[in-house]
N, C-alpha and C. Protein backbone atom coordinates (compact mmCIF):
# COMPACT_ATOMS: atom_id res chain seq x y z
N MET A 1 51.33 16.13 -69.21
CA MET A 1 50.69 17.21 -68.50
C MET A 1 51.76 18.13 -67.96
N GLY A 2 51.88 19.29 -68.55
CA GLY A 2 52.87 20.26 -68.10
C GLY A 2 52.31 21.12 -66.99
N GLY A 3 53.18 21.67 -66.26
CA GLY A 3 52.77 22.54 -65.16
C GLY A 3 53.96 23.33 -64.66
N VAL A 4 53.67 24.27 -63.82
CA VAL A 4 54.72 25.08 -63.22
C VAL A 4 55.23 24.35 -61.98
N LEU A 5 56.53 24.15 -61.93
CA LEU A 5 57.11 23.51 -60.76
C LEU A 5 57.29 24.53 -59.65
N ALA A 6 56.94 24.13 -58.45
CA ALA A 6 57.07 25.02 -57.31
C ALA A 6 58.54 25.26 -56.99
N LEU A 7 58.82 26.45 -56.49
CA LEU A 7 60.18 26.77 -56.07
C LEU A 7 60.42 26.20 -54.68
N THR A 8 61.63 25.70 -54.46
CA THR A 8 62.01 25.20 -53.15
C THR A 8 62.40 26.39 -52.28
N ARG A 9 61.75 26.53 -51.13
CA ARG A 9 62.07 27.62 -50.21
C ARG A 9 63.32 27.24 -49.44
N THR A 10 64.37 28.07 -49.56
CA THR A 10 65.66 27.80 -48.93
C THR A 10 66.11 29.05 -48.17
N PRO A 11 66.40 28.91 -46.87
CA PRO A 11 66.86 30.08 -46.11
C PRO A 11 68.16 30.65 -46.68
N VAL A 12 68.25 31.97 -46.71
CA VAL A 12 69.46 32.64 -47.15
C VAL A 12 70.62 32.27 -46.23
N VAL A 13 70.34 32.22 -44.92
CA VAL A 13 71.33 31.80 -43.93
C VAL A 13 70.68 30.71 -43.09
N SER A 14 71.20 29.51 -43.18
CA SER A 14 70.65 28.39 -42.45
C SER A 14 70.80 28.58 -40.94
N GLY A 15 69.73 28.27 -40.19
CA GLY A 15 69.77 28.31 -38.74
C GLY A 15 69.46 29.65 -38.12
N TRP A 16 69.17 30.68 -38.92
CA TRP A 16 68.88 32.00 -38.35
C TRP A 16 67.39 32.22 -38.15
N PHE A 17 66.53 31.39 -38.75
CA PHE A 17 65.10 31.53 -38.57
C PHE A 17 64.42 30.22 -38.94
N THR A 18 63.16 30.12 -38.53
CA THR A 18 62.37 28.95 -38.87
C THR A 18 60.99 29.39 -39.33
N GLU A 19 60.47 28.68 -40.30
CA GLU A 19 59.11 28.94 -40.78
C GLU A 19 58.16 27.87 -40.28
N THR A 20 58.65 26.98 -39.43
CA THR A 20 57.83 25.89 -38.93
C THR A 20 57.87 25.84 -37.41
N ALA A 21 57.77 26.98 -36.77
CA ALA A 21 57.80 27.05 -35.31
C ALA A 21 56.60 26.30 -34.73
N ALA A 22 56.73 25.84 -33.50
CA ALA A 22 55.68 25.06 -32.85
C ALA A 22 54.36 25.81 -32.81
N ASP A 23 54.41 27.15 -32.70
CA ASP A 23 53.16 27.93 -32.65
C ASP A 23 52.64 28.27 -34.04
N GLY A 24 53.31 27.75 -35.07
CA GLY A 24 52.84 27.96 -36.44
C GLY A 24 53.32 29.23 -37.07
N GLY A 25 54.12 30.03 -36.37
CA GLY A 25 54.57 31.30 -36.92
C GLY A 25 56.02 31.28 -37.36
N PHE A 26 56.41 32.39 -37.92
CA PHE A 26 57.79 32.59 -38.36
C PHE A 26 58.56 33.14 -37.16
N ARG A 27 59.74 32.62 -36.89
CA ARG A 27 60.54 33.08 -35.75
C ARG A 27 62.01 33.17 -36.12
N LEU A 28 62.65 34.24 -35.66
CA LEU A 28 64.10 34.32 -35.71
C LEU A 28 64.63 33.39 -34.63
N LEU A 29 65.81 32.81 -34.87
CA LEU A 29 66.43 31.92 -33.90
C LEU A 29 67.73 32.53 -33.38
N GLY A 30 67.86 32.57 -32.10
CA GLY A 30 69.09 33.04 -31.48
C GLY A 30 69.66 31.95 -30.60
N THR A 31 70.65 32.31 -29.80
CA THR A 31 71.19 31.38 -28.82
C THR A 31 71.25 32.09 -27.47
N ARG A 32 71.11 31.30 -26.40
CA ARG A 32 71.15 31.82 -25.04
C ARG A 32 72.23 31.07 -24.27
N CYS A 33 73.03 31.85 -23.53
CA CYS A 33 74.07 31.28 -22.69
C CYS A 33 73.44 30.83 -21.37
N SER A 34 73.71 29.59 -20.97
CA SER A 34 73.13 29.08 -19.72
C SER A 34 73.80 29.70 -18.49
N ALA A 35 75.02 30.23 -18.62
CA ALA A 35 75.72 30.81 -17.47
C ALA A 35 75.24 32.22 -17.14
N CYS A 36 75.05 33.06 -18.16
CA CYS A 36 74.69 34.46 -17.90
C CYS A 36 73.33 34.85 -18.47
N THR A 37 72.68 33.98 -19.19
CA THR A 37 71.37 34.14 -19.84
C THR A 37 71.36 35.16 -20.97
N ALA A 38 72.54 35.62 -21.42
CA ALA A 38 72.60 36.55 -22.56
C ALA A 38 72.07 35.85 -23.80
N VAL A 39 71.33 36.61 -24.63
CA VAL A 39 70.77 36.07 -25.87
C VAL A 39 71.45 36.77 -27.04
N PHE A 40 71.74 36.00 -28.09
CA PHE A 40 72.46 36.53 -29.24
C PHE A 40 71.72 36.30 -30.55
N PHE A 41 71.73 37.31 -31.39
CA PHE A 41 71.31 37.19 -32.79
C PHE A 41 72.17 38.16 -33.58
N PRO A 42 72.81 37.72 -34.65
CA PRO A 42 72.77 36.34 -35.13
C PRO A 42 73.27 35.37 -34.07
N ARG A 43 72.86 34.16 -34.23
CA ARG A 43 73.17 33.11 -33.27
C ARG A 43 74.68 32.97 -33.08
N GLU A 44 75.05 32.46 -31.94
CA GLU A 44 76.45 32.19 -31.62
C GLU A 44 76.54 30.74 -31.18
N ASP A 45 77.39 29.96 -31.82
CA ASP A 45 77.50 28.55 -31.49
C ASP A 45 78.85 28.17 -30.88
N ALA A 46 79.80 29.11 -30.82
CA ALA A 46 81.14 28.76 -30.33
C ALA A 46 81.36 29.16 -28.87
N TYR A 47 81.00 30.39 -28.50
CA TYR A 47 81.27 30.88 -27.14
C TYR A 47 80.34 32.04 -26.83
N CYS A 48 80.20 32.34 -25.56
CA CYS A 48 79.36 33.47 -25.13
C CYS A 48 80.08 34.77 -25.47
N ARG A 49 79.39 35.68 -26.15
CA ARG A 49 79.98 36.97 -26.53
C ARG A 49 79.86 38.02 -25.43
N ASN A 50 79.20 37.71 -24.34
CA ASN A 50 79.04 38.65 -23.25
C ASN A 50 80.36 38.78 -22.49
N PRO A 51 81.00 39.95 -22.50
CA PRO A 51 82.29 40.09 -21.81
C PRO A 51 82.19 39.94 -20.29
N HIS A 52 80.98 40.03 -19.73
CA HIS A 52 80.80 39.91 -18.28
C HIS A 52 80.34 38.51 -17.86
N CYS A 53 80.30 37.58 -18.81
CA CYS A 53 79.85 36.23 -18.51
C CYS A 53 80.90 35.51 -17.65
N PRO A 54 80.44 34.79 -16.62
CA PRO A 54 81.39 34.04 -15.80
C PRO A 54 82.01 32.86 -16.56
N GLY A 55 81.46 32.52 -17.70
CA GLY A 55 82.02 31.46 -18.55
C GLY A 55 81.49 30.09 -18.22
N GLY A 56 81.74 29.20 -19.15
CA GLY A 56 81.38 27.81 -18.95
C GLY A 56 79.95 27.46 -19.30
N GLY A 57 79.19 28.42 -19.79
CA GLY A 57 77.80 28.16 -20.10
C GLY A 57 77.62 27.47 -21.45
N GLU A 58 76.60 26.65 -21.53
CA GLU A 58 76.23 26.03 -22.80
C GLU A 58 75.39 27.02 -23.58
N LEU A 59 75.52 26.98 -24.90
CA LEU A 59 74.72 27.83 -25.77
C LEU A 59 73.59 26.99 -26.36
N ALA A 60 72.37 27.43 -26.13
CA ALA A 60 71.19 26.69 -26.60
C ALA A 60 70.40 27.57 -27.55
N GLU A 61 69.87 26.94 -28.59
CA GLU A 61 69.02 27.67 -29.55
C GLU A 61 67.72 28.06 -28.88
N VAL A 62 67.29 29.32 -29.13
CA VAL A 62 66.02 29.81 -28.59
C VAL A 62 65.30 30.61 -29.68
N PRO A 63 63.97 30.43 -29.78
CA PRO A 63 63.22 31.29 -30.68
C PRO A 63 63.11 32.68 -30.05
N LEU A 64 63.25 33.71 -30.87
CA LEU A 64 63.19 35.08 -30.38
C LEU A 64 61.76 35.61 -30.46
N SER A 65 61.53 36.72 -29.80
CA SER A 65 60.20 37.33 -29.78
C SER A 65 59.69 37.55 -31.20
N PRO A 66 58.44 37.24 -31.46
CA PRO A 66 57.90 37.47 -32.79
C PRO A 66 57.53 38.93 -33.03
N ARG A 67 57.51 39.74 -31.97
CA ARG A 67 57.13 41.15 -32.09
C ARG A 67 58.15 42.04 -31.39
N GLY A 68 58.12 43.29 -31.81
CA GLY A 68 58.96 44.29 -31.20
C GLY A 68 58.48 45.67 -31.60
N ARG A 69 59.28 46.67 -31.28
CA ARG A 69 58.94 48.06 -31.59
C ARG A 69 60.01 48.67 -32.48
N VAL A 70 59.56 49.48 -33.43
CA VAL A 70 60.49 50.15 -34.34
C VAL A 70 61.42 51.03 -33.52
N TRP A 71 62.70 50.81 -33.67
CA TRP A 71 63.73 51.58 -33.00
C TRP A 71 64.22 52.69 -33.94
N SER A 72 64.33 52.35 -35.23
CA SER A 72 64.73 53.29 -36.27
C SER A 72 64.37 52.68 -37.62
N TYR A 73 64.40 53.51 -38.66
CA TYR A 73 64.12 53.02 -40.01
C TYR A 73 64.68 54.00 -41.03
N THR A 74 64.89 53.49 -42.24
CA THR A 74 65.37 54.33 -43.34
C THR A 74 65.05 53.62 -44.65
N ASP A 75 65.26 54.31 -45.75
CA ASP A 75 65.05 53.66 -47.04
C ASP A 75 66.34 53.66 -47.84
N GLY A 76 66.46 52.64 -48.68
CA GLY A 76 67.60 52.51 -49.58
C GLY A 76 67.15 52.84 -50.99
N ARG A 77 67.53 54.01 -51.46
CA ARG A 77 67.07 54.46 -52.78
C ARG A 77 68.15 54.37 -53.84
N TYR A 78 69.30 53.82 -53.49
CA TYR A 78 70.38 53.71 -54.47
C TYR A 78 70.89 52.28 -54.49
N ARG A 79 71.47 51.92 -55.61
CA ARG A 79 72.06 50.59 -55.75
C ARG A 79 73.39 50.58 -55.00
N PRO A 80 73.56 49.69 -54.01
CA PRO A 80 74.81 49.67 -53.27
C PRO A 80 75.99 49.28 -54.17
N PRO A 81 77.18 49.76 -53.85
CA PRO A 81 78.36 49.43 -54.65
C PRO A 81 78.84 48.01 -54.35
N ALA A 82 79.79 47.53 -55.15
CA ALA A 82 80.42 46.23 -54.91
C ALA A 82 80.99 46.22 -53.49
N PRO A 83 80.96 45.13 -52.81
CA PRO A 83 80.77 43.77 -53.30
C PRO A 83 79.31 43.32 -53.36
N TYR A 84 78.33 44.21 -53.10
CA TYR A 84 76.93 43.84 -53.23
C TYR A 84 76.68 43.38 -54.65
N VAL A 85 75.96 42.28 -54.79
CA VAL A 85 75.71 41.72 -56.11
C VAL A 85 74.31 42.10 -56.57
N SER A 86 74.23 42.80 -57.70
CA SER A 86 72.94 43.07 -58.32
C SER A 86 73.17 43.23 -59.81
N ASP A 87 72.16 42.90 -60.56
CA ASP A 87 72.25 42.96 -62.02
C ASP A 87 72.00 44.39 -62.47
N PRO A 88 73.02 45.07 -63.02
CA PRO A 88 72.83 46.46 -63.44
C PRO A 88 71.82 46.62 -64.58
N ALA A 89 71.49 45.52 -65.26
CA ALA A 89 70.50 45.58 -66.33
C ALA A 89 69.07 45.63 -65.77
N GLU A 90 68.91 45.19 -64.52
CA GLU A 90 67.59 45.19 -63.89
C GLU A 90 67.34 46.55 -63.24
N PRO A 91 66.10 47.03 -63.23
CA PRO A 91 65.81 48.30 -62.56
C PRO A 91 66.00 48.17 -61.05
N TRP A 92 66.48 49.22 -60.43
CA TRP A 92 66.69 49.21 -58.98
C TRP A 92 65.38 49.46 -58.27
N GLU A 93 65.07 48.61 -57.30
CA GLU A 93 63.85 48.75 -56.50
C GLU A 93 64.23 49.25 -55.11
N PRO A 94 63.80 50.45 -54.73
CA PRO A 94 64.08 50.93 -53.37
C PRO A 94 63.49 49.96 -52.33
N TYR A 95 64.06 49.96 -51.16
CA TYR A 95 63.60 49.09 -50.09
C TYR A 95 63.67 49.86 -48.77
N THR A 96 62.99 49.36 -47.76
CA THR A 96 62.97 50.01 -46.45
C THR A 96 63.65 49.09 -45.44
N LEU A 97 64.59 49.65 -44.68
CA LEU A 97 65.26 48.92 -43.60
C LEU A 97 64.64 49.35 -42.28
N VAL A 98 64.47 48.38 -41.38
CA VAL A 98 63.86 48.64 -40.08
C VAL A 98 64.75 48.04 -38.99
N ALA A 99 65.07 48.84 -37.98
CA ALA A 99 65.74 48.35 -36.78
C ALA A 99 64.65 48.18 -35.73
N VAL A 100 64.52 46.95 -35.21
CA VAL A 100 63.43 46.61 -34.30
C VAL A 100 63.99 46.13 -32.97
N GLU A 101 63.50 46.73 -31.89
CA GLU A 101 63.86 46.24 -30.56
C GLU A 101 62.88 45.13 -30.20
N LEU A 102 63.40 43.90 -30.09
CA LEU A 102 62.55 42.76 -29.80
C LEU A 102 61.97 42.86 -28.39
N GLU A 103 60.72 42.45 -28.29
CA GLU A 103 59.92 42.63 -27.09
C GLU A 103 60.58 42.07 -25.82
N ALA A 104 60.86 40.78 -25.78
CA ALA A 104 61.37 40.15 -24.55
C ALA A 104 62.87 40.33 -24.39
N GLU A 105 63.61 40.26 -25.48
CA GLU A 105 65.08 40.27 -25.38
C GLU A 105 65.66 41.67 -25.23
N GLY A 106 64.96 42.69 -25.70
CA GLY A 106 65.47 44.05 -25.63
C GLY A 106 66.63 44.31 -26.56
N MET A 107 66.89 43.40 -27.48
CA MET A 107 67.98 43.60 -28.45
C MET A 107 67.40 44.17 -29.74
N VAL A 108 68.23 44.88 -30.49
CA VAL A 108 67.80 45.47 -31.75
C VAL A 108 68.26 44.60 -32.90
N VAL A 109 67.32 44.25 -33.78
CA VAL A 109 67.58 43.42 -34.96
C VAL A 109 67.24 44.23 -36.19
N LEU A 110 68.09 44.15 -37.19
CA LEU A 110 67.89 44.87 -38.44
C LEU A 110 67.31 43.93 -39.49
N GLY A 111 66.40 44.45 -40.31
CA GLY A 111 65.84 43.67 -41.40
C GLY A 111 65.09 44.58 -42.35
N GLN A 112 64.73 44.03 -43.50
CA GLN A 112 63.94 44.79 -44.45
C GLN A 112 62.48 44.79 -44.00
N ALA A 113 61.77 45.82 -44.43
CA ALA A 113 60.33 45.85 -44.22
C ALA A 113 59.67 44.91 -45.23
N ALA A 114 58.49 44.44 -44.90
CA ALA A 114 57.72 43.60 -45.81
C ALA A 114 57.38 44.39 -47.07
N PRO A 115 57.21 43.72 -48.19
CA PRO A 115 56.82 44.43 -49.42
C PRO A 115 55.59 45.29 -49.18
N GLY A 116 55.62 46.49 -49.73
CA GLY A 116 54.49 47.40 -49.59
C GLY A 116 54.58 48.30 -48.37
N VAL A 117 55.56 48.06 -47.48
CA VAL A 117 55.74 48.91 -46.30
C VAL A 117 56.89 49.86 -46.58
N GLY A 118 56.58 51.15 -46.59
CA GLY A 118 57.60 52.17 -46.82
C GLY A 118 57.82 53.01 -45.59
N VAL A 119 58.75 53.96 -45.68
CA VAL A 119 59.06 54.80 -44.52
C VAL A 119 57.84 55.60 -44.07
N GLY A 120 56.95 55.91 -44.97
CA GLY A 120 55.73 56.64 -44.61
C GLY A 120 54.75 55.82 -43.79
N ASP A 121 54.95 54.50 -43.77
CA ASP A 121 54.06 53.61 -43.02
C ASP A 121 54.58 53.30 -41.63
N LEU A 122 55.79 53.79 -41.31
CA LEU A 122 56.45 53.43 -40.05
C LEU A 122 56.60 54.65 -39.15
N ALA A 123 56.73 54.37 -37.86
CA ALA A 123 57.01 55.41 -36.86
C ALA A 123 57.80 54.76 -35.74
N VAL A 124 58.72 55.50 -35.15
CA VAL A 124 59.47 55.00 -34.01
C VAL A 124 58.48 54.64 -32.90
N GLY A 125 58.66 53.45 -32.32
CA GLY A 125 57.77 52.97 -31.27
C GLY A 125 56.62 52.12 -31.75
N MET A 126 56.39 52.09 -33.07
CA MET A 126 55.29 51.30 -33.64
C MET A 126 55.57 49.81 -33.43
N GLU A 127 54.52 49.06 -33.12
CA GLU A 127 54.67 47.61 -32.96
C GLU A 127 54.72 46.94 -34.33
N VAL A 128 55.71 46.05 -34.50
CA VAL A 128 55.87 45.30 -35.74
C VAL A 128 56.07 43.83 -35.39
N GLU A 129 55.88 42.98 -36.39
CA GLU A 129 56.12 41.55 -36.20
C GLU A 129 57.03 41.04 -37.30
N VAL A 130 57.75 39.98 -36.98
CA VAL A 130 58.64 39.37 -37.96
C VAL A 130 57.83 38.39 -38.80
N VAL A 131 58.04 38.43 -40.11
CA VAL A 131 57.36 37.55 -41.05
C VAL A 131 58.38 37.01 -42.04
N GLY A 132 58.03 35.93 -42.67
CA GLY A 132 58.90 35.37 -43.70
C GLY A 132 58.76 36.15 -44.99
N GLY A 133 59.81 36.13 -45.77
CA GLY A 133 59.79 36.81 -47.06
C GLY A 133 60.76 36.16 -48.02
N VAL A 134 60.63 36.50 -49.28
CA VAL A 134 61.53 35.97 -50.30
C VAL A 134 62.49 37.08 -50.70
N LEU A 135 63.78 36.82 -50.55
CA LEU A 135 64.80 37.78 -50.94
C LEU A 135 64.93 37.82 -52.45
N ASN A 136 65.05 36.65 -53.06
CA ASN A 136 65.05 36.55 -54.52
C ASN A 136 64.73 35.13 -54.93
N GLU A 137 64.42 34.98 -56.21
CA GLU A 137 64.09 33.68 -56.77
C GLU A 137 65.07 33.36 -57.88
N ASP A 138 65.47 32.10 -57.94
CA ASP A 138 66.38 31.62 -58.97
C ASP A 138 65.65 30.56 -59.80
N ALA A 139 65.21 30.95 -60.98
CA ALA A 139 64.45 30.04 -61.83
C ALA A 139 65.30 28.86 -62.30
N ASP A 140 66.60 29.09 -62.50
CA ASP A 140 67.49 28.01 -62.96
C ASP A 140 67.56 26.87 -61.95
N THR A 141 67.65 27.19 -60.68
CA THR A 141 67.73 26.16 -59.65
C THR A 141 66.38 25.91 -58.98
N ARG A 142 65.34 26.66 -59.40
CA ARG A 142 64.00 26.58 -58.83
C ARG A 142 64.04 26.78 -57.31
N THR A 143 64.77 27.83 -56.91
CA THR A 143 64.94 28.13 -55.50
C THR A 143 64.38 29.51 -55.18
N ALA A 144 63.61 29.59 -54.09
CA ALA A 144 63.17 30.86 -53.53
C ALA A 144 64.00 31.06 -52.26
N TRP A 145 64.91 32.03 -52.29
CA TRP A 145 65.78 32.29 -51.14
C TRP A 145 65.00 33.12 -50.13
N THR A 146 64.77 32.54 -48.95
CA THR A 146 63.92 33.17 -47.95
C THR A 146 64.73 33.91 -46.88
N THR A 147 64.09 34.88 -46.27
CA THR A 147 64.69 35.70 -45.23
C THR A 147 63.58 36.19 -44.31
N TRP A 148 63.92 37.09 -43.40
CA TRP A 148 62.91 37.68 -42.51
C TRP A 148 62.64 39.11 -42.94
N ARG A 149 61.43 39.56 -42.62
CA ARG A 149 60.98 40.92 -42.89
C ARG A 149 60.19 41.39 -41.68
N PHE A 150 59.96 42.67 -41.59
CA PHE A 150 59.13 43.22 -40.51
C PHE A 150 57.93 43.94 -41.12
N LYS A 151 56.78 43.75 -40.50
CA LYS A 151 55.58 44.46 -40.93
C LYS A 151 54.83 44.97 -39.72
N PRO A 152 54.13 46.11 -39.88
CA PRO A 152 53.34 46.62 -38.75
C PRO A 152 52.31 45.61 -38.31
N VAL A 153 52.10 45.51 -37.00
CA VAL A 153 51.10 44.60 -36.46
C VAL A 153 49.73 45.07 -36.92
N GLY A 154 48.96 44.14 -37.46
CA GLY A 154 47.65 44.48 -37.98
C GLY A 154 47.69 45.02 -39.39
N GLY A 155 48.91 45.15 -39.97
CA GLY A 155 49.04 45.66 -41.33
C GLY A 155 48.78 44.58 -42.36
N ASP A 156 48.36 44.99 -43.53
CA ASP A 156 48.07 44.05 -44.60
C ASP A 156 49.27 43.80 -45.50
N ALA A 157 50.37 44.52 -45.32
CA ALA A 157 51.51 44.41 -46.21
C ALA A 157 52.19 43.07 -46.08
């Protein structure tokens, strides 16, 4: 009995997000310094990056806000030059980048928009949520490389 084998979902960068959060949603993961309460994304595991921190704080993993507001956005309509890796034989697919100010942390995180969301669907100040997405699939290793994306709240994209 033949069948299609499922792809193994593997994070592009381990430890930067989770798809199995306690509340059942997708969450970016950051770290918080216990001395100054600064929150970092991408996560920091060696030392507090806050230059005003009194020091000595432990860094603990924290899930970041699942929602935020569009701070800025743009589209990528050209194939980036090296060292970006892409197959020149494949057609280039434009994509939308979104800078989002996370609700509780007040920090800006950059990511791609969810498939189907273009610059015409976004506006500065619009509420968006972080969702899981597939960056690419590798049939040889049966791997779906996962990442985060942003989509408008209430959007179907």
